[in-house]
């Protein structure tokens, strides 16, 4: 564990000192943070709808269980009952 801490500290100081000594270091960091914000916040809001919107907690847990195990939770359910259209998962 001590080797990991030393390596992580060395990597951190390498990047910190490298960005500190660059003339474009601070604008580059802000550009990277802006890009990450755009990727995760803006694109998600406008392009990706929530997969299980409109389902109750019980329905959500059943859908997640079915997706993880690959089998229907209740006996007698057909493949039509498990289609993505049923759960608005497209």
N, C-alpha and C. Protein backbone atom coordinates (compact mmCIF):
# COMPACT_ATOMS: atom_id res chain seq x y z
N UNK A 1 0.82 -1.19 0.00
CA UNK A 1 0.00 0.00 0.00
C UNK A 1 0.87 1.25 0.00
N UNK A 2 2.03 1.16 0.63
CA UNK A 2 2.92 2.32 0.69
C UNK A 2 3.45 2.64 -0.71
N UNK A 3 3.70 1.63 -1.52
CA UNK A 3 4.18 1.84 -2.88
C UNK A 3 3.13 2.54 -3.74
N UNK A 4 1.86 2.19 -3.52
CA UNK A 4 0.78 2.83 -4.28
C UNK A 4 0.67 4.30 -3.90
N UNK A 5 0.74 4.60 -2.62
CA UNK A 5 0.65 5.99 -2.17
C UNK A 5 1.81 6.81 -2.72
N UNK A 6 2.99 6.23 -2.72
CA UNK A 6 4.15 6.94 -3.25
C UNK A 6 4.00 7.19 -4.75
N UNK A 7 3.53 6.18 -5.48
CA UNK A 7 3.35 6.32 -6.93
C UNK A 7 2.26 7.34 -7.24
N UNK A 8 1.15 7.28 -6.52
CA UNK A 8 0.05 8.22 -6.74
C UNK A 8 0.52 9.65 -6.43
N UNK A 9 1.29 9.82 -5.35
CA UNK A 9 1.81 11.14 -5.02
C UNK A 9 2.79 11.64 -6.06
N UNK A 10 3.61 10.75 -6.61
CA UNK A 10 4.56 11.15 -7.64
C UNK A 10 3.84 11.56 -8.92
N UNK A 11 2.80 10.82 -9.28
CA UNK A 11 2.03 11.15 -10.49
C UNK A 11 1.33 12.49 -10.30
N UNK A 12 0.72 12.69 -9.12
CA UNK A 12 0.04 13.95 -8.84
C UNK A 12 1.01 15.12 -8.91
N UNK A 13 2.15 15.01 -8.29
CA UNK A 13 3.11 16.12 -8.31
C UNK A 13 3.67 16.35 -9.71
N UNK A 14 3.82 15.30 -10.49
CA UNK A 14 4.27 15.44 -11.87
C UNK A 14 3.29 16.30 -12.68
N UNK A 15 2.00 15.97 -12.61
CA UNK A 15 1.00 16.74 -13.34
C UNK A 15 0.84 18.15 -12.78
N UNK A 16 0.83 18.27 -11.46
CA UNK A 16 0.68 19.58 -10.83
C UNK A 16 1.82 20.51 -11.23
N UNK A 17 3.04 20.05 -11.13
CA UNK A 17 4.19 20.88 -11.50
C UNK A 17 4.23 21.14 -13.00
N UNK A 18 3.82 20.16 -13.79
CA UNK A 18 3.81 20.35 -15.22
C UNK A 18 2.82 21.42 -15.64
N UNK A 19 1.61 21.39 -15.10
CA UNK A 19 0.62 22.42 -15.44
C UNK A 19 1.00 23.77 -14.86
N UNK A 20 1.64 23.77 -13.73
CA UNK A 20 2.04 25.03 -13.09
C UNK A 20 3.11 25.74 -13.91
N UNK A 21 4.01 24.98 -14.51
CA UNK A 21 5.10 25.59 -15.26
C UNK A 21 4.75 25.89 -16.72
N UNK A 22 3.60 25.47 -17.18
CA UNK A 22 3.19 25.74 -18.55
C UNK A 22 2.61 27.15 -18.65
N UNK A 23 2.82 27.79 -19.81
CA UNK A 23 2.22 29.10 -20.00
C UNK A 23 0.72 28.97 -20.25
N UNK A 24 0.29 27.87 -20.81
CA UNK A 24 -1.11 27.64 -21.09
C UNK A 24 -1.74 26.66 -20.11
N UNK A 25 -1.11 26.44 -18.97
CA UNK A 25 -1.59 25.43 -18.02
C UNK A 25 -2.98 25.68 -17.49
N UNK A 26 -3.23 26.88 -16.97
CA UNK A 26 -4.55 27.18 -16.39
C UNK A 26 -5.66 27.20 -17.45
N UNK A 27 -5.46 27.87 -18.58
CA UNK A 27 -6.53 27.81 -19.60
C UNK A 27 -6.79 26.38 -20.09
N UNK A 28 -5.75 25.57 -20.14
CA UNK A 28 -5.92 24.19 -20.57
C UNK A 28 -6.77 23.40 -19.57
N UNK A 29 -6.53 23.61 -18.29
CA UNK A 29 -7.32 22.93 -17.26
C UNK A 29 -8.78 23.37 -17.36
N UNK A 30 -9.02 24.67 -17.54
CA UNK A 30 -10.40 25.15 -17.66
C UNK A 30 -11.06 24.60 -18.91
N UNK A 31 -10.31 24.47 -19.98
CA UNK A 31 -10.86 23.90 -21.21
C UNK A 31 -11.24 22.43 -21.00
N UNK A 32 -10.41 21.69 -20.30
CA UNK A 32 -10.70 20.28 -20.00
C UNK A 32 -11.94 20.18 -19.12
N UNK A 33 -12.05 21.02 -18.09
CA UNK A 33 -13.22 20.98 -17.21
C UNK A 33 -14.49 21.37 -17.96
N UNK A 34 -14.40 22.35 -18.85
CA UNK A 34 -15.56 22.74 -19.66
C UNK A 34 -15.99 21.59 -20.56
N UNK A 35 -15.04 20.91 -21.16
CA UNK A 35 -15.35 19.77 -22.03
C UNK A 35 -16.02 18.65 -21.25
N UNK A 36 -15.54 18.35 -20.07
CA UNK A 36 -16.14 17.31 -19.24
C UNK A 36 -17.56 17.72 -18.84
N UNK A 37 -17.74 18.99 -18.49
CA UNK A 37 -19.08 19.48 -18.14
C UNK A 37 -20.02 19.32 -19.32
N UNK A 38 -19.59 19.69 -20.50
CA UNK A 38 -20.44 19.57 -21.68
C UNK A 38 -20.78 18.11 -21.95
N UNK A 39 -19.80 17.24 -21.85
CA UNK A 39 -20.05 15.83 -22.13
C UNK A 39 -21.06 15.21 -21.16
N UNK A 40 -20.90 15.50 -19.88
CA UNK A 40 -21.73 14.81 -18.90
C UNK A 40 -23.02 15.54 -18.57
N UNK A 41 -23.04 16.84 -18.58
CA UNK A 41 -24.24 17.57 -18.18
C UNK A 41 -25.12 17.94 -19.36
N UNK A 42 -24.58 18.64 -20.30
CA UNK A 42 -25.39 19.16 -21.39
C UNK A 42 -25.88 18.05 -22.30
N UNK A 43 -25.00 17.17 -22.73
CA UNK A 43 -25.41 16.10 -23.62
C UNK A 43 -26.44 15.17 -22.98
N UNK A 44 -26.29 14.91 -21.70
CA UNK A 44 -27.23 14.03 -21.02
C UNK A 44 -28.61 14.66 -20.96
N UNK A 45 -28.67 15.93 -20.68
CA UNK A 45 -29.96 16.61 -20.55
C UNK A 45 -30.70 16.64 -21.88
N UNK A 46 -29.98 16.93 -22.96
CA UNK A 46 -30.66 17.15 -24.23
C UNK A 46 -30.76 15.91 -25.13
N UNK A 47 -29.88 14.94 -24.97
CA UNK A 47 -29.87 13.83 -25.90
C UNK A 47 -30.21 12.47 -25.31
N UNK A 48 -30.06 12.29 -24.02
CA UNK A 48 -30.30 10.98 -23.42
C UNK A 48 -31.44 11.06 -22.43
N UNK A 49 -32.54 10.38 -22.74
CA UNK A 49 -33.66 10.37 -21.81
C UNK A 49 -33.41 9.29 -20.75
N UNK A 50 -33.98 9.45 -19.58
CA UNK A 50 -33.84 8.42 -18.55
C UNK A 50 -34.45 7.10 -19.04
N UNK A 51 -33.76 6.02 -18.83
CA UNK A 51 -34.16 4.73 -19.38
C UNK A 51 -35.45 4.20 -18.76
N UNK A 52 -35.67 4.45 -17.50
CA UNK A 52 -36.85 3.89 -16.84
C UNK A 52 -37.77 4.99 -16.31
N UNK A 53 -37.91 6.07 -17.07
CA UNK A 53 -38.78 7.15 -16.66
C UNK A 53 -40.23 6.67 -16.65
N UNK A 54 -40.95 7.06 -15.63
CA UNK A 54 -42.36 6.70 -15.55
C UNK A 54 -42.65 5.38 -14.87
N UNK A 55 -41.64 4.65 -14.46
CA UNK A 55 -41.87 3.38 -13.78
C UNK A 55 -41.82 3.59 -12.28
N UNK A 56 -42.60 2.81 -11.56
CA UNK A 56 -42.56 2.87 -10.10
C UNK A 56 -41.28 2.17 -9.61
N UNK A 57 -40.99 2.34 -8.34
CA UNK A 57 -39.79 1.71 -7.77
C UNK A 57 -39.85 0.19 -7.88
N UNK A 58 -41.03 -0.37 -7.69
CA UNK A 58 -41.18 -1.82 -7.79
C UNK A 58 -40.92 -2.30 -9.22
N UNK A 59 -41.44 -1.58 -10.20
CA UNK A 59 -41.22 -1.94 -11.60
C UNK A 59 -39.76 -1.78 -11.98
N UNK A 60 -39.13 -0.73 -11.48
CA UNK A 60 -37.70 -0.50 -11.77
C UNK A 60 -36.86 -1.65 -11.23
N UNK A 61 -37.12 -2.05 -9.99
CA UNK A 61 -36.32 -3.13 -9.41
C UNK A 61 -36.54 -4.43 -10.17
N UNK A 62 -37.76 -4.68 -10.64
CA UNK A 62 -38.03 -5.89 -11.41
C UNK A 62 -37.30 -5.85 -12.75
N UNK A 63 -37.33 -4.71 -13.42
CA UNK A 63 -36.65 -4.58 -14.71
C UNK A 63 -35.15 -4.77 -14.55
N UNK A 64 -34.56 -4.16 -13.52
CA UNK A 64 -33.12 -4.30 -13.29
C UNK A 64 -32.78 -5.76 -13.00
N UNK A 65 -33.58 -6.43 -12.19
CA UNK A 65 -33.34 -7.84 -11.90
C UNK A 65 -33.42 -8.70 -13.14
N UNK A 66 -34.39 -8.42 -14.00
CA UNK A 66 -34.52 -9.18 -15.24
C UNK A 66 -33.33 -8.94 -16.16
N UNK A 67 -32.90 -7.71 -16.24
CA UNK A 67 -31.76 -7.39 -17.11
C UNK A 67 -30.46 -8.02 -16.60
N UNK A 68 -30.28 -8.08 -15.29
CA UNK A 68 -29.06 -8.66 -14.73
C UNK A 68 -29.03 -10.18 -14.88
N UNK A 69 -30.16 -10.81 -14.64
CA UNK A 69 -30.17 -12.27 -14.69
C UNK A 69 -30.52 -12.81 -16.06
N UNK A 70 -31.22 -12.02 -16.87
CA UNK A 70 -31.61 -12.47 -18.20
C UNK A 70 -32.83 -13.36 -18.20
N UNK A 71 -33.48 -13.48 -17.05
CA UNK A 71 -34.68 -14.31 -16.96
C UNK A 71 -35.83 -13.47 -16.43
N UNK A 72 -37.07 -13.80 -16.82
CA UNK A 72 -38.22 -13.08 -16.27
C UNK A 72 -38.36 -13.33 -14.77
N UNK A 73 -38.78 -12.31 -14.04
CA UNK A 73 -38.90 -12.44 -12.59
C UNK A 73 -40.08 -13.31 -12.20
N UNK A 74 -41.19 -13.21 -12.92
CA UNK A 74 -42.38 -13.99 -12.59
C UNK A 74 -42.55 -15.11 -13.62
N UNK A 75 -43.03 -16.26 -13.17
CA UNK A 75 -43.25 -17.38 -14.08
C UNK A 75 -44.41 -17.06 -15.00
N UNK A 76 -44.32 -17.51 -16.24
CA UNK A 76 -45.40 -17.32 -17.18
C UNK A 76 -45.31 -16.05 -18.01
N UNK A 77 -44.32 -15.19 -17.77
CA UNK A 77 -44.18 -13.98 -18.57
C UNK A 77 -43.61 -14.34 -19.93
N UNK A 78 -44.09 -13.71 -20.95
CA UNK A 78 -43.62 -13.97 -22.30
C UNK A 78 -42.57 -12.96 -22.69
N UNK A 79 -41.91 -13.22 -23.82
CA UNK A 79 -40.92 -12.27 -24.31
C UNK A 79 -41.55 -10.95 -24.70
N UNK A 80 -42.82 -10.97 -25.12
CA UNK A 80 -43.50 -9.73 -25.48
C UNK A 80 -43.66 -8.83 -24.27
N UNK A 81 -43.85 -9.44 -23.10
CA UNK A 81 -43.99 -8.65 -21.88
C UNK A 81 -42.66 -8.02 -21.48
N UNK A 82 -41.55 -8.57 -21.97
CA UNK A 82 -40.23 -8.06 -21.60
C UNK A 82 -39.61 -7.20 -22.68
N UNK A 83 -40.37 -6.83 -23.68
CA UNK A 83 -39.80 -6.05 -24.78
C UNK A 83 -39.43 -4.65 -24.30
N UNK A 84 -38.48 -4.00 -24.96
CA UNK A 84 -38.09 -2.64 -24.57
C UNK A 84 -39.24 -1.64 -24.65
N UNK A 85 -40.19 -1.87 -25.56
CA UNK A 85 -41.32 -0.96 -25.67
C UNK A 85 -42.18 -0.98 -24.41
N UNK A 86 -42.23 -2.13 -23.74
CA UNK A 86 -43.01 -2.24 -22.53
C UNK A 86 -42.49 -1.30 -21.45
N UNK A 87 -41.19 -1.15 -21.37
CA UNK A 87 -40.57 -0.35 -20.32
C UNK A 87 -40.03 0.98 -20.84
N UNK A 88 -40.33 1.34 -22.06
CA UNK A 88 -39.80 2.57 -22.68
C UNK A 88 -38.28 2.57 -22.68
N UNK A 89 -37.68 1.41 -22.90
CA UNK A 89 -36.22 1.28 -22.92
C UNK A 89 -35.78 1.07 -24.35
N UNK A 90 -35.48 2.13 -25.04
CA UNK A 90 -35.09 2.00 -26.45
C UNK A 90 -33.73 2.59 -26.67
